C-alpha atoms as a PDB file:
ATOM      1  CA  MET A   1      60.856 -61.931-111.686  1.00  0.00           C
ATOM      2  CA  SER A   2      63.953 -63.149-110.014  1.00  0.00           C
ATOM      3  CA  GLY A   3      64.440 -65.723-107.308  1.00  0.00           C
ATOM      4  CA  ASN A   4      66.091 -63.079-105.082  1.00  0.00           C
ATOM      5  CA  LYS A   5      63.206 -60.621-104.945  1.00  0.00           C
ATOM      6  CA  THR A   6      60.757 -60.528-102.067  1.00  0.00           C
ATOM      7  CA  TYR A   7      57.185 -59.914-103.150  1.00  0.00           C
ATOM      8  CA  ASN A   8      54.742 -58.090-100.924  1.00  0.00           C
ATOM      9  CA  GLY A   9      51.046 -57.482-100.937  1.00  0.00           C
ATOM     10  CA  ASP A  10      48.013 -59.445 -99.945  1.00  0.00           C
ATOM     11  CA  TYR A  11      47.763 -63.017-101.162  1.00  0.00           C
ATOM     12  CA  ILE A  12      45.063 -63.068-103.825  1.00  0.00           C
ATOM     13  CA  SER A  13      43.774 -65.586-106.329  1.00  0.00           C
ATOM     14  CA  LEU A  14      44.089 -65.302-110.081  1.00  0.00           C
ATOM     15  CA  TYR A  15      40.327 -64.724-110.164  1.00  0.00           C
ATOM     16  CA  ASP A  16      40.699 -61.788-107.774  1.00  0.00           C
ATOM     17  CA  HIS A  17      43.521 -60.349-109.866  1.00  0.00           C
ATOM     18  CA  LEU A  18      42.061 -60.870-113.338  1.00  0.00           C
ATOM     19  CA  GLY A  19      38.386 -60.446-112.562  1.00  0.00           C
ATOM     20  CA  HIS A  20      37.522 -63.763-114.227  1.00  0.00           C
ATOM     21  CA  ALA A  21      38.436 -67.425-114.011  1.00  0.00           C
ATOM     22  CA  ALA A  22      41.961 -68.039-115.259  1.00  0.00           C
ATOM     23  CA  GLY A  23      41.566 -71.641-116.325  1.00  0.00           C
ATOM     24  CA  ASN A  24      43.845 -74.609-115.800  1.00  0.00           C
ATOM     25  CA  GLU A  25      46.509 -73.756-118.395  1.00  0.00           C
ATOM     26  CA  LEU A  26      47.085 -70.201-117.176  1.00  0.00           C
ATOM     27  CA  GLY A  27      46.943 -71.359-113.557  1.00  0.00           C
ATOM     28  CA  GLN A  28      49.700 -73.884-114.226  1.00  0.00           C
ATOM     29  CA  ALA A  29      51.807 -71.272-116.043  1.00  0.00           C
ATOM     30  CA  VAL A  30      51.551 -68.878-113.096  1.00  0.00           C
ATOM     31  CA  ALA A  31      52.351 -71.661-110.614  1.00  0.00           C
ATOM     32  CA  TYR A  32      55.444 -72.602-112.639  1.00  0.00           C
ATOM     33  CA  ALA A  33      56.614 -68.970-112.862  1.00  0.00           C
ATOM     34  CA  ALA A  34      56.064 -68.503-109.128  1.00  0.00           C
ATOM     35  CA  ALA A  35      58.038 -71.655-108.285  1.00  0.00           C
ATOM     36  CA  LYS A  36      60.847 -70.608-110.640  1.00  0.00           C
ATOM     37  CA  ALA A  37      60.977 -67.161-108.992  1.00  0.00           C
ATOM     38  CA  GLY A  38      60.930 -68.668-105.504  1.00  0.00           C
ATOM     39  CA  VAL A  39      57.538 -67.160-104.692  1.00  0.00           C
ATOM     40  CA  LYS A  40      55.655 -69.076-102.030  1.00  0.00           C
ATOM     41  CA  HIS A  41      51.959 -69.596-102.689  1.00  0.00           C
ATOM     42  CA  GLN A  42      49.230 -70.090-100.146  1.00  0.00           C
ATOM     43  CA  ILE A  43      46.219 -72.343-100.495  1.00  0.00           C
ATOM     44  CA  ARG A  44      42.731 -71.098 -99.742  1.00  0.00           C
ATOM     45  CA  LYS A  45      39.694 -73.341 -99.539  1.00  0.00           C
ATOM     46  CA  LEU A  46      36.776 -72.118-101.626  1.00  0.00           C
ATOM     47  CA  LYS A  47      33.186 -73.293-101.638  1.00  0.00           C
ATOM     48  CA  THR A  48      30.728 -71.601-103.964  1.00  0.00           C
ATOM     49  CA  SER A  49      27.717 -72.739-105.944  1.00  0.00           C
ATOM     50  CA  TYR A  50      29.943 -73.394-108.970  1.00  0.00           C
ATOM     51  CA  TYR A  51      33.300 -74.438-107.448  1.00  0.00           C
ATOM     52  CA  THR A  52      34.454 -76.268-104.357  1.00  0.00           C
ATOM     53  CA  GLY A  53      38.119 -76.939-103.753  1.00  0.00           C
ATOM     54  CA  ASP A  54      41.506 -75.443-103.077  1.00  0.00           C
ATOM     55  CA  ILE A  55      42.811 -72.388-104.924  1.00  0.00           C
ATOM     56  CA  PHE A  56      46.335 -71.069-105.021  1.00  0.00           C
ATOM     57  CA  THR A  57      46.949 -67.478-103.982  1.00  0.00           C
ATOM     58  CA  TYR A  58      50.027 -65.367-104.668  1.00  0.00           C
ATOM     59  CA  PRO A  59      51.325 -61.994-103.464  1.00  0.00           C
ATOM     60  CA  SER A  60      49.521 -59.268-105.406  1.00  0.00           C
ATOM     61  CA  GLU A  61      52.870 -57.669-106.262  1.00  0.00           C
ATOM     62  CA  PHE A  62      54.012 -60.893-107.972  1.00  0.00           C
ATOM     63  CA  LEU A  63      50.796 -61.088-110.003  1.00  0.00           C
ATOM     64  CA  ASP A  64      51.133 -57.419-111.003  1.00  0.00           C
ATOM     65  CA  GLU A  65      54.629 -58.123-112.268  1.00  0.00           C
ATOM     66  CA  TYR A  66      53.703 -61.408-113.963  1.00  0.00           C
ATOM     67  CA  PHE A  67      50.774 -59.962-115.879  1.00  0.00           C
ATOM     68  CA  GLY A  68      52.309 -56.532-116.377  1.00  0.00           C
ATOM     69  CA  THR A  69      50.820 -53.280-115.253  1.00  0.00           C
ATOM     70  CA  LYS A  70      47.132 -53.129-115.894  1.00  0.00           C
ATOM     71  CA  VAL A  71      46.314 -50.269-118.231  1.00  0.00           C
ATOM     72  CA  VAL A  72      42.831 -48.937-117.849  1.00  0.00           C
ATOM     73  CA  GLU A  73      41.880 -47.012-120.932  1.00  0.00           C
ATOM     74  CA  PRO A  74      40.044 -43.776-120.237  1.00  0.00           C
ATOM     75  CA  THR A  75      36.457 -43.748-121.377  1.00  0.00           C
ATOM     76  CA  LYS A  76      34.403 -40.971-122.830  1.00  0.00           C
ATOM     77  CA  TYR A  77      31.370 -41.847-120.725  1.00  0.00           C
ATOM     78  CA  PRO A  78      30.857 -42.067-116.943  1.00  0.00           C
ATOM     79  CA  LYS A  79      32.030 -45.178-115.133  1.00  0.00           C
ATOM     80  CA  GLY A  80      29.365 -47.869-115.314  1.00  0.00           C
ATOM     81  CA  SER A  81      27.711 -46.468-118.444  1.00  0.00           C
ATOM     82  CA  LEU A  82      26.613 -49.167-120.858  1.00  0.00           C
ATOM     83  CA  LEU A  83      28.020 -47.046-123.686  1.00  0.00           C
ATOM     84  CA  ASN A  84      31.496 -48.016-122.437  1.00  0.00           C
ATOM     85  CA  GLU A  85      30.650 -51.704-122.973  1.00  0.00           C
ATOM     86  CA  LEU A  86      29.569 -51.443-126.612  1.00  0.00           C
ATOM     87  CA  PRO A  87      31.989 -52.003-129.492  1.00  0.00           C
ATOM     88  CA  PRO A  88      33.355 -48.825-131.076  1.00  0.00           C
ATOM     89  CA  SER A  89      31.114 -47.165-133.612  1.00  0.00           C
ATOM     90  CA  ASP A  90      30.619 -43.693-135.006  1.00  0.00           C
ATOM     91  CA  TYR A  91      29.298 -42.234-131.755  1.00  0.00           C
ATOM     92  CA  GLN A  92      32.432 -43.353-129.863  1.00  0.00           C
ATOM     93  CA  MET A  93      34.876 -42.327-132.588  1.00  0.00           C
ATOM     94  CA  GLY A  94      33.806 -38.722-132.392  1.00  0.00           C
ATOM     95  CA  ASN A  95      32.187 -38.804-135.857  1.00  0.00           C
END
C-alpha cells in the first residue's frame, strides 16, 4: 500500500468486506492505513435496527490489499451444507 497507487473498485464498508462487524479498533487501524496510503474514504449514513450513524467506506481494491487475498478453502460438501459448518471430526477427515 503506497501513497502513489490509485485504488479502484466500489466503495464498501468493512462489514461488507469482512461479512461481520469490524469493531472500533480494527476500524481505526484501517482508517490509519488508508490515510497513510493516501486513500480517500467516503462516508455513508446507515440506519438499521441495531446501528444508526456514519460508516466509513473504502475502495474494495484497497480493502483486498489491506486484508490480503481471501482464501476460500474448498469443502467436501455442497455449498450451504451444515456439515461444512461443524468442527472437523472423523467424518470430515476421511476416516
